[in-house]
Amino acid sequence: TGVVLSRASVWRLLTGRLGWTLQRPERRAVER
């Protein structure tokens, strides 16, 4: 788009407008 967004603006775009949520990978033991 040619538009420079701050980190806060990117966060608002992803969470507010697109409805994304913060997700972290599930940790599993290697020996499982």
Full PDB file with SEQRES, HELIX, SHEET, SSBOND, CRYST1, ORIGX, SCALE, CONECT and MASTER records, all heavy atoms in Angstrom:
SEQRES   1 A   32  THR GLY VAL VAL LEU SER ARG ALA SER VAL TRP ARG LEU          
SEQRES   2 A   32  LEU THR GLY ARG LEU GLY TRP THR LEU GLN ARG PRO GLU          
SEQRES   3 A   32  ARG ARG ALA VAL GLU ARG                                      
HELIX    1 AA1 ARG A    7  ARG A   12  1                                   6    
HELIX    2 AA2 LEU A   13  ARG A   17  3                                   5    
CRYST1    1.000    1.000    1.000  90.00  90.00  90.00 P 1           1          
ORIGX1      1.000000  0.000000  0.000000        0.00000                         
ORIGX2      0.000000  1.000000  0.000000        0.00000                         
ORIGX3      0.000000  0.000000  1.000000        0.00000                         
SCALE1      1.000000  0.000000  0.000000        0.00000                         
SCALE2      0.000000  1.000000  0.000000        0.00000                         
SCALE3      0.000000  0.000000  1.000000        0.00000                         
ATOM      1  N   THR A   1       0.795  -1.228   0.000  1.00  0.00           N  
ATOM      2  CA  THR A   1       0.000   0.000   0.000  1.00  0.00           C  
ATOM      3  C   THR A   1       0.827   1.277   0.000  1.00  0.00           C  
ATOM      4  O   THR A   1       0.297   2.345  -0.307  1.00  0.00           O  
ATOM      5  CB  THR A   1      -0.919   0.047   1.232  1.00  0.00           C  
ATOM      6  OG1 THR A   1      -0.107   0.137   2.416  1.00  0.00           O  
ATOM      7  CG2 THR A   1      -1.813  -1.165   1.308  1.00  0.00           C  
ATOM      8  N   GLY A   2       2.091   1.172   0.400  1.00  0.00           N  
ATOM      9  CA  GLY A   2       2.920   2.361   0.516  1.00  0.00           C  
ATOM     10  C   GLY A   2       2.731   3.092   1.835  1.00  0.00           C  
ATOM     11  O   GLY A   2       3.325   4.140   2.064  1.00  0.00           O  
ATOM     12  N   VAL A   3       1.906   2.543   2.721  1.00  0.00           N  
ATOM     13  CA  VAL A   3       1.615   3.155   4.018  1.00  0.00           C  
ATOM     14  C   VAL A   3       2.513   2.520   5.072  1.00  0.00           C  
ATOM     15  O   VAL A   3       2.585   1.297   5.180  1.00  0.00           O  
ATOM     16  CB  VAL A   3       0.136   2.957   4.408  1.00  0.00           C  
ATOM     17  CG1 VAL A   3      -0.151   3.510   5.789  1.00  0.00           C  
ATOM     18  CG2 VAL A   3      -0.765   3.580   3.367  1.00  0.00           C  
ATOM     19  N   VAL A   4       3.195   3.349   5.863  1.00  0.00           N  
ATOM     20  CA  VAL A   4       4.044   2.864   6.944  1.00  0.00           C  
ATOM     21  C   VAL A   4       3.224   2.880   8.232  1.00  0.00           C  
ATOM     22  O   VAL A   4       2.696   3.919   8.629  1.00  0.00           O  
ATOM     23  CB  VAL A   4       5.300   3.748   7.105  1.00  0.00           C  
ATOM     24  CG1 VAL A   4       6.149   3.252   8.263  1.00  0.00           C  
ATOM     25  CG2 VAL A   4       6.096   3.765   5.815  1.00  0.00           C  
ATOM     26  N   LEU A   5       3.104   1.711   8.863  1.00  0.00           N  
ATOM     27  CA  LEU A   5       2.344   1.593  10.096  1.00  0.00           C  
ATOM     28  C   LEU A   5       3.272   1.365  11.277  1.00  0.00           C  
ATOM     29  O   LEU A   5       4.280   0.664  11.157  1.00  0.00           O  
ATOM     30  CB  LEU A   5       1.364   0.414  10.019  1.00  0.00           C  
ATOM     31  CG  LEU A   5       0.268   0.467   8.971  1.00  0.00           C  
ATOM     32  CD1 LEU A   5      -0.547  -0.827   8.999  1.00  0.00           C  
ATOM     33  CD2 LEU A   5      -0.639   1.659   9.198  1.00  0.00           C  
ATOM     34  N   SER A   6       2.912   1.923  12.421  1.00  0.00           N  
ATOM     35  CA  SER A   6       3.657   1.659  13.653  1.00  0.00           C  
ATOM     36  C   SER A   6       3.305   0.259  14.137  1.00  0.00           C  
ATOM     37  O   SER A   6       2.331  -0.359  13.688  1.00  0.00           O  
ATOM     38  CB  SER A   6       3.279   2.682  14.727  1.00  0.00           C  
ATOM     39  OG  SER A   6       1.938   2.488  15.131  1.00  0.00           O  
ATOM     40  N   ARG A   7       4.084  -0.244  15.090  1.00  0.00           N  
ATOM     41  CA  ARG A   7       3.792  -1.565  15.665  1.00  0.00           C  
ATOM     42  C   ARG A   7       2.399  -1.591  16.282  1.00  0.00           C  
ATOM     43  O   ARG A   7       1.670  -2.567  16.148  1.00  0.00           O  
ATOM     44  CB  ARG A   7       4.828  -1.928  16.719  1.00  0.00           C  
ATOM     45  CG  ARG A   7       6.181  -2.297  16.152  1.00  0.00           C  
ATOM     46  CD  ARG A   7       7.190  -2.572  17.267  1.00  0.00           C  
ATOM     47  NE  ARG A   7       6.750  -3.588  18.182  1.00  0.00           N  
ATOM     48  CZ  ARG A   7       7.190  -4.850  18.195  1.00  0.00           C  
ATOM     49  NH1 ARG A   7       8.092  -5.213  17.328  1.00  0.00           N  
ATOM     50  NH2 ARG A   7       6.731  -5.713  19.056  1.00  0.00           N  
ATOM     51  N   ALA A   8       2.034  -0.504  16.962  1.00  0.00           N  
ATOM     52  CA  ALA A   8       0.712  -0.432  17.590  1.00  0.00           C  
ATOM     53  C   ALA A   8      -0.387  -0.480  16.534  1.00  0.00           C  
ATOM     54  O   ALA A   8      -1.415  -1.138  16.723  1.00  0.00           O  
ATOM     55  CB  ALA A   8       0.600   0.832  18.428  1.00  0.00           C  
ATOM     56  N   SER A   9      -0.180   0.182  15.428  1.00  0.00           N  
ATOM     57  CA  SER A   9      -1.190   0.178  14.363  1.00  0.00           C  
ATOM     58  C   SER A   9      -1.316  -1.201  13.725  1.00  0.00           C  
ATOM     59  O   SER A   9      -2.419  -1.642  13.396  1.00  0.00           O  
ATOM     60  CB  SER A   9      -0.840   1.210  13.295  1.00  0.00           C  
ATOM     61  OG  SER A   9      -0.916   2.504  13.827  1.00  0.00           O  
ATOM     62  N   VAL A  10      -0.200  -1.872  13.545  1.00  0.00           N  
ATOM     63  CA  VAL A  10      -0.241  -3.235  13.001  1.00  0.00           C  
ATOM     64  C   VAL A  10      -0.992  -4.140  13.969  1.00  0.00           C  
ATOM     65  O   VAL A  10      -1.830  -4.946  13.563  1.00  0.00           O  
ATOM     66  CB  VAL A  10       1.182  -3.777  12.734  1.00  0.00           C  
ATOM     67  CG1 VAL A  10       1.149  -5.255  12.380  1.00  0.00           C  
ATOM     68  CG2 VAL A  10       1.851  -2.985  11.628  1.00  0.00           C  
ATOM     69  N   TRP A  11      -0.722  -4.002  15.263  1.00  0.00           N  
ATOM     70  CA  TRP A  11      -1.404  -4.809  16.275  1.00  0.00           C  
ATOM     71  C   TRP A  11      -2.910  -4.556  16.240  1.00  0.00           C  
ATOM     72  O   TRP A  11      -3.711  -5.485  16.264  1.00  0.00           O  
ATOM     73  CB  TRP A  11      -0.837  -4.493  17.656  1.00  0.00           C  
ATOM     74  CG  TRP A  11      -1.504  -5.270  18.747  1.00  0.00           C  
ATOM     75  CD1 TRP A  11      -2.373  -4.800  19.674  1.00  0.00           C  
ATOM     76  CD2 TRP A  11      -1.364  -6.666  19.011  1.00  0.00           C  
ATOM     77  NE1 TRP A  11      -2.787  -5.806  20.500  1.00  0.00           N  
ATOM     78  CE2 TRP A  11      -2.181  -6.969  20.116  1.00  0.00           C  
ATOM     79  CE3 TRP A  11      -0.631  -7.688  18.418  1.00  0.00           C  
ATOM     80  CZ2 TRP A  11      -2.282  -8.251  20.633  1.00  0.00           C  
ATOM     81  CZ3 TRP A  11      -0.736  -8.958  18.945  1.00  0.00           C  
ATOM     82  CH2 TRP A  11      -1.551  -9.229  20.038  1.00  0.00           C  
ATOM     83  N   ARG A  12      -3.319  -3.300  16.165  1.00  0.00           N  
ATOM     84  CA  ARG A  12      -4.746  -2.971  16.098  1.00  0.00           C  
ATOM     85  C   ARG A  12      -5.381  -3.526  14.822  1.00  0.00           C  
ATOM     86  O   ARG A  12      -6.514  -4.010  14.842  1.00  0.00           O  
ATOM     87  CB  ARG A  12      -4.959  -1.461  16.177  1.00  0.00           C  
ATOM     88  CG  ARG A  12      -4.895  -0.916  17.584  1.00  0.00           C  
ATOM     89  CD  ARG A  12      -5.403   0.502  17.669  1.00  0.00           C  
ATOM     90  NE  ARG A  12      -4.676   1.430  16.818  1.00  0.00           N  
ATOM     91  CZ  ARG A  12      -3.575   2.077  17.182  1.00  0.00           C  
ATOM     92  NH1 ARG A  12      -3.080   1.906  18.393  1.00  0.00           N  
ATOM     93  NH2 ARG A  12      -2.977   2.895  16.354  1.00  0.00           N  
ATOM     94  N   LEU A  13      -4.645  -3.477  13.720  1.00  0.00           N  
ATOM     95  CA  LEU A  13      -5.143  -4.018  12.464  1.00  0.00           C  
ATOM     96  C   LEU A  13      -5.388  -5.522  12.577  1.00  0.00           C  
ATOM     97  O   LEU A  13      -6.445  -6.031  12.200  1.00  0.00           O  
ATOM     98  CB  LEU A  13      -4.153  -3.729  11.332  1.00  0.00           C  
ATOM     99  CG  LEU A  13      -4.451  -4.358   9.978  1.00  0.00           C  
ATOM    100  CD1 LEU A  13      -5.670  -3.712   9.350  1.00  0.00           C  
ATOM    101  CD2 LEU A  13      -3.248  -4.233   9.067  1.00  0.00           C  
ATOM    102  N   LEU A  14      -4.406  -6.238  13.119  1.00  0.00           N  
ATOM    103  CA  LEU A  14      -4.514  -7.693  13.210  1.00  0.00           C  
ATOM    104  C   LEU A  14      -5.576  -8.133  14.216  1.00  0.00           C  
ATOM    105  O   LEU A  14      -6.358  -9.041  13.935  1.00  0.00           O  
ATOM    106  CB  LEU A  14      -3.166  -8.303  13.586  1.00  0.00           C  
ATOM    107  CG  LEU A  14      -2.052  -8.185  12.551  1.00  0.00           C  
ATOM    108  CD1 LEU A  14      -0.760  -8.744  13.113  1.00  0.00           C  
ATOM    109  CD2 LEU A  14      -2.418  -8.881  11.266  1.00  0.00           C  
ATOM    110  N   THR A  15      -5.607  -7.502  15.383  1.00  0.00           N  
ATOM    111  CA  THR A  15      -6.526  -7.955  16.428  1.00  0.00           C  
ATOM    112  C   THR A  15      -7.906  -7.332  16.302  1.00  0.00           C  
ATOM    113  O   THR A  15      -8.912  -8.026  16.453  1.00  0.00           O  
ATOM    114  CB  THR A  15      -5.962  -7.645  17.827  1.00  0.00           C  
ATOM    115  OG1 THR A  15      -5.738  -6.238  17.946  1.00  0.00           O  
ATOM    116  CG2 THR A  15      -4.689  -8.416  18.079  1.00  0.00           C  
ATOM    117  N   GLY A  16      -7.965  -6.054  16.034  1.00  0.00           N  
ATOM    118  CA  GLY A  16      -9.253  -5.370  15.985  1.00  0.00           C  
ATOM    119  C   GLY A  16     -10.015  -5.594  14.698  1.00  0.00           C  
ATOM    120  O   GLY A  16     -11.161  -6.046  14.699  1.00  0.00           O  
ATOM    121  N   ARG A  17      -9.378  -5.299  13.584  1.00  0.00           N  
ATOM    122  CA  ARG A  17     -10.081  -5.368  12.294  1.00  0.00           C  
ATOM    123  C   ARG A  17     -10.162  -6.783  11.747  1.00  0.00           C  
ATOM    124  O   ARG A  17     -11.133  -7.166  11.120  1.00  0.00           O  
ATOM    125  CB  ARG A  17      -9.386  -4.471  11.270  1.00  0.00           C  
ATOM    126  CG  ARG A  17      -9.228  -3.056  11.738  1.00  0.00           C  
ATOM    127  CD  ARG A  17      -9.963  -1.966  11.028  1.00  0.00           C  
ATOM    128  NE  ARG A  17     -10.576  -2.192   9.779  1.00  0.00           N  
ATOM    129  CZ  ARG A  17     -10.347  -1.496   8.688  1.00  0.00           C  
ATOM    130  NH1 ARG A  17      -9.445  -0.544   8.692  1.00  0.00           N  
ATOM    131  NH2 ARG A  17     -11.026  -1.728   7.602  1.00  0.00           N  
ATOM    132  N   LEU A  18      -9.101  -7.575  11.938  1.00  0.00           N  
ATOM    133  CA  LEU A  18      -9.077  -8.922  11.369  1.00  0.00           C  
ATOM    134  C   LEU A  18      -9.476 -10.013  12.358  1.00  0.00           C  
ATOM    135  O   LEU A  18      -9.674 -11.162  11.976  1.00  0.00           O  
ATOM    136  CB  LEU A  18      -7.686  -9.220  10.792  1.00  0.00           C  
ATOM    137  CG  LEU A  18      -7.250  -8.294   9.656  1.00  0.00           C  
ATOM    138  CD1 LEU A  18      -5.829  -8.628   9.215  1.00  0.00           C  
ATOM    139  CD2 LEU A  18      -8.204  -8.388   8.478  1.00  0.00           C  
ATOM    140  N   GLY A  19      -9.539  -9.654  13.647  1.00  0.00           N  
ATOM    141  CA  GLY A  19      -9.979 -10.610  14.657  1.00  0.00           C  
ATOM    142  C   GLY A  19      -8.974 -11.679  15.023  1.00  0.00           C  
ATOM    143  O   GLY A  19      -9.329 -12.711  15.592  1.00  0.00           O  
ATOM    144  N   TRP A  20      -7.690 -11.460  14.708  1.00  0.00           N  
ATOM    145  CA  TRP A  20      -6.667 -12.440  15.049  1.00  0.00           C  
ATOM    146  C   TRP A  20      -6.413 -12.405  16.548  1.00  0.00           C  
ATOM    147  O   TRP A  20      -6.627 -11.406  17.219  1.00  0.00           O  
ATOM    148  CB  TRP A  20      -5.371 -12.151  14.305  1.00  0.00           C  
ATOM    149  CG  TRP A  20      -5.438 -12.462  12.847  1.00  0.00           C  
ATOM    150  CD1 TRP A  20      -6.554 -12.626  12.091  1.00  0.00           C  
ATOM    151  CD2 TRP A  20      -4.333 -12.631  11.966  1.00  0.00           C  
ATOM    152  NE1 TRP A  20      -6.219 -12.888  10.793  1.00  0.00           N  
ATOM    153  CE2 TRP A  20      -4.860 -12.895  10.681  1.00  0.00           C  
ATOM    154  CE3 TRP A  20      -2.973 -12.576  12.129  1.00  0.00           C  
ATOM    155  CZ2 TRP A  20      -4.048 -13.110   9.583  1.00  0.00           C  
ATOM    156  CZ3 TRP A  20      -2.168 -12.799  11.027  1.00  0.00           C  
ATOM    157  CH2 TRP A  20      -2.705 -13.067   9.775  1.00  0.00           C  
ATOM    158  N   THR A  21      -5.920 -13.524  17.092  1.00  0.00           N  
ATOM    159  CA  THR A  21      -5.569 -13.602  18.500  1.00  0.00           C  
ATOM    160  C   THR A  21      -4.124 -14.046  18.636  1.00  0.00           C  
ATOM    161  O   THR A  21      -3.571 -14.679  17.740  1.00  0.00           O  
ATOM    162  CB  THR A  21      -6.467 -14.606  19.248  1.00  0.00           C  
ATOM    163  OG1 THR A  21      -6.318 -15.891  18.642  1.00  0.00           O  
ATOM    164  CG2 THR A  21      -7.933 -14.183  19.220  1.00  0.00           C  
ATOM    165  N   LEU A  22      -3.543 -13.711  19.775  1.00  0.00           N  
ATOM    166  CA  LEU A  22      -2.176 -14.118  20.068  1.00  0.00           C  
ATOM    167  C   LEU A  22      -2.176 -15.603  20.378  1.00  0.00           C  
ATOM    168  O   LEU A  22      -2.901 -16.054  21.259  1.00  0.00           O  
ATOM    169  CB  LEU A  22      -1.630 -13.325  21.253  1.00  0.00           C  
ATOM    170  CG  LEU A  22      -0.223 -13.663  21.712  1.00  0.00           C  
ATOM    171  CD1 LEU A  22       0.772 -13.355  20.610  1.00  0.00           C  
ATOM    172  CD2 LEU A  22       0.124 -12.890  22.959  1.00  0.00           C  
ATOM    173  N   GLN A  23      -1.400 -16.371  19.636  1.00  0.00           N  
ATOM    174  CA  GLN A  23      -1.318 -17.802  19.871  1.00  0.00           C  
ATOM    175  C   GLN A  23       0.142 -18.208  19.963  1.00  0.00           C  
ATOM    176  O   GLN A  23       0.973 -17.729  19.203  1.00  0.00           O  
ATOM    177  CB  GLN A  23      -1.990 -18.577  18.744  1.00  0.00           C  
ATOM    178  CG  GLN A  23      -3.455 -18.269  18.636  1.00  0.00           C  
ATOM    179  CD  GLN A  23      -4.100 -19.041  17.497  1.00  0.00           C  
ATOM    180  OE1 GLN A  23      -3.465 -19.851  16.847  1.00  0.00           O  
ATOM    181  NE2 GLN A  23      -5.364 -18.777  17.280  1.00  0.00           N  
ATOM    182  N   ARG A  24       0.400 -19.082  20.892  1.00  0.00           N  
ATOM    183  CA  ARG A  24       1.759 -19.587  21.064  1.00  0.00           C  
ATOM    184  C   ARG A  24       1.748 -21.085  20.791  1.00  0.00           C  
ATOM    185  O   ARG A  24       0.774 -21.773  21.108  1.00  0.00           O  
ATOM    186  CB  ARG A  24       2.240 -19.310  22.479  1.00  0.00           C  
ATOM    187  CG  ARG A  24       2.392 -17.835  22.737  1.00  0.00           C  
ATOM    188  CD  ARG A  24       3.159 -17.583  24.018  1.00  0.00           C  
ATOM    189  NE  ARG A  24       3.400 -16.168  24.152  1.00  0.00           N  
ATOM    190  CZ  ARG A  24       2.744 -15.374  24.986  1.00  0.00           C  
ATOM    191  NH1 ARG A  24       1.813 -15.876  25.764  1.00  0.00           N  
ATOM    192  NH2 ARG A  24       3.022 -14.097  25.048  1.00  0.00           N  
ATOM    193  N   PRO A  25       2.831 -21.612  20.231  1.00  0.00           N  
ATOM    194  CA  PRO A  25       2.872 -23.056  19.970  1.00  0.00           C  
ATOM    195  C   PRO A  25       2.808 -23.850  21.275  1.00  0.00           C  
ATOM    196  O   PRO A  25       3.345 -23.429  22.291  1.00  0.00           O  
ATOM    197  CB  PRO A  25       4.210 -23.284  19.264  1.00  0.00           C  
ATOM    198  CG  PRO A  25       4.942 -22.007  19.321  1.00  0.00           C  
ATOM    199  CD  PRO A  25       4.034 -20.929  19.780  1.00  0.00           C  
ATOM    200  N   GLU A  26       2.129 -24.976  21.218  1.00  0.00           N  
ATOM    201  CA  GLU A  26       2.027 -25.846  22.371  1.00  0.00           C  
ATOM    202  C   GLU A  26       3.343 -26.572  22.573  1.00  0.00           C  
ATOM    203  O   GLU A  26       3.923 -27.099  21.621  1.00  0.00           O  
ATOM    204  CB  GLU A  26       0.906 -26.861  22.124  1.00  0.00           C  
ATOM    205  CG  GLU A  26       0.554 -27.691  23.312  1.00  0.00           C  
ATOM    206  CD  GLU A  26      -0.629 -28.585  23.015  1.00  0.00           C  
ATOM    207  OE1 GLU A  26      -1.631 -28.090  22.491  1.00  0.00           O  
ATOM    208  OE2 GLU A  26      -0.509 -29.788  23.283  1.00  0.00           O  
ATOM    209  N   ARG A  27       3.822 -26.579  23.797  1.00  0.00           N  
ATOM    210  CA  ARG A  27       5.092 -27.254  24.084  1.00  0.00           C  
ATOM    211  C   ARG A  27       4.824 -28.721  24.386  1.00  0.00           C  
ATOM    212  O   ARG A  27       3.919 -29.053  25.120  1.00  0.00           O  
ATOM    213  CB  ARG A  27       5.777 -26.598  25.273  1.00  0.00           C  
ATOM    214  CG  ARG A  27       6.238 -25.194  24.957  1.00  0.00           C  
ATOM    215  CD  ARG A  27       6.909 -24.560  26.134  1.00  0.00           C  
ATOM    216  NE  ARG A  27       8.007 -25.406  26.572  1.00  0.00           N  
ATOM    217  CZ  ARG A  27       8.820 -25.106  27.558  1.00  0.00           C  
ATOM    218  NH1 ARG A  27       8.665 -23.985  28.204  1.00  0.00           N  
ATOM    219  NH2 ARG A  27       9.783 -25.914  27.915  1.00  0.00           N  
ATOM    220  N   ARG A  28       5.617 -29.577  23.784  1.00  0.00           N  
ATOM    221  CA  ARG A  28       5.504 -31.012  24.028  1.00  0.00           C  
ATOM    222  C   ARG A  28       6.886 -31.583  24.270  1.00  0.00           C  
ATOM    223  O   ARG A  28       7.863 -31.147  23.672  1.00  0.00           O  
ATOM    224  CB  ARG A  28       4.871 -31.728  22.843  1.00  0.00           C  
ATOM    225  CG  ARG A  28       3.422 -31.378  22.679  1.00  0.00           C  
ATOM    226  CD  ARG A  28       2.775 -32.282  21.699  1.00  0.00           C  
ATOM    227  NE  ARG A  28       1.361 -31.945  21.648  1.00  0.00           N  
ATOM    228  CZ  ARG A  28       0.460 -32.701  21.116  1.00  0.00           C  
ATOM    229  NH1 ARG A  28       0.806 -33.827  20.558  1.00  0.00           N  
ATOM    230  NH2 ARG A  28      -0.790 -32.346  21.119  1.00  0.00           N  
ATOM    231  N   ALA A  29       6.934 -32.579  25.120  1.00  0.00           N  
ATOM    232  CA  ALA A  29       8.204 -33.227  25.429  1.00  0.00           C  
ATOM    233  C   ALA A  29       8.697 -33.994  24.207  1.00  0.00           C  
ATOM    234  O   ALA A  29       7.918 -34.624  23.488  1.00  0.00           O  
ATOM    235  CB  ALA A  29       8.031 -34.181  26.601  1.00  0.00           C  
ATOM    236  N   VAL A  30       9.981 -33.964  23.977  1.00  0.00           N  
ATOM    237  CA  VAL A  30      10.583 -34.695  22.866  1.00  0.00           C  
ATOM    238  C   VAL A  30      10.404 -36.194  23.074  1.00  0.00           C  
ATOM    239  O   VAL A  30      10.225 -36.954  22.121  1.00  0.00           O  
ATOM    240  CB  VAL A  30      12.080 -34.336  22.748  1.00  0.00           C  
ATOM    241  CG1 VAL A  30      12.766 -35.170  21.686  1.00  0.00           C  
ATOM    242  CG2 VAL A  30      12.254 -32.863  22.470  1.00  0.00           C  
ATOM    243  N   GLU A  31      10.407 -36.614  24.319  1.00  0.00           N  
ATOM    244  CA  GLU A  31      10.311 -38.033  24.649  1.00  0.00           C  
ATOM    245  C   GLU A  31       8.882 -38.556  24.582  1.00  0.00           C  
ATOM    246  O   GLU A  31       8.633 -39.723  24.864  1.00  0.00           O  
ATOM    247  CB  GLU A  31      10.855 -38.277  26.063  1.00  0.00           C  
ATOM    248  CG  GLU A  31      12.289 -37.842  26.267  1.00  0.00           C  
ATOM    249  CD  GLU A  31      12.412 -36.367  26.613  1.00  0.00           C  
ATOM    250  OE1 GLU A  31      11.379 -35.720  26.900  1.00  0.00           O  
ATOM    251  OE2 GLU A  31      13.526 -35.864  26.583  1.00  0.00           O  
ATOM    252  N   ARG A  32       7.924 -37.748  24.216  1.00  0.00           N  
ATOM    253  CA  ARG A  32       6.505 -38.116  24.215  1.00  0.00           C  
ATOM    254  C   ARG A  32       6.263 -39.338  23.327  1.00  0.00           C  
ATOM    255  O   ARG A  32       6.666 -39.390  22.185  1.00  0.00           O  
ATOM    256  CB  ARG A  32       5.691 -36.932  23.722  1.00  0.00           C  
ATOM    257  CG  ARG A  32       4.218 -37.114  23.794  1.00  0.00           C  
ATOM    258  CD  ARG A  32       3.522 -35.853  23.342  1.00  0.00           C  
ATOM    259  NE  ARG A  32       2.111 -36.034  23.237  1.00  0.00           N  
ATOM    260  CZ  ARG A  32       1.231 -35.605  24.118  1.00  0.00           C  
ATOM    261  NH1 ARG A  32       1.647 -34.945  25.170  1.00  0.00           N  
ATOM    262  NH2 ARG A  32      -0.047 -35.812  23.957  1.00  0.00           N  
TER     263      ARG A  32                                                      
MASTER        0    0    0    2    0    0    0    6  262    1    0    3          
END                                                                             
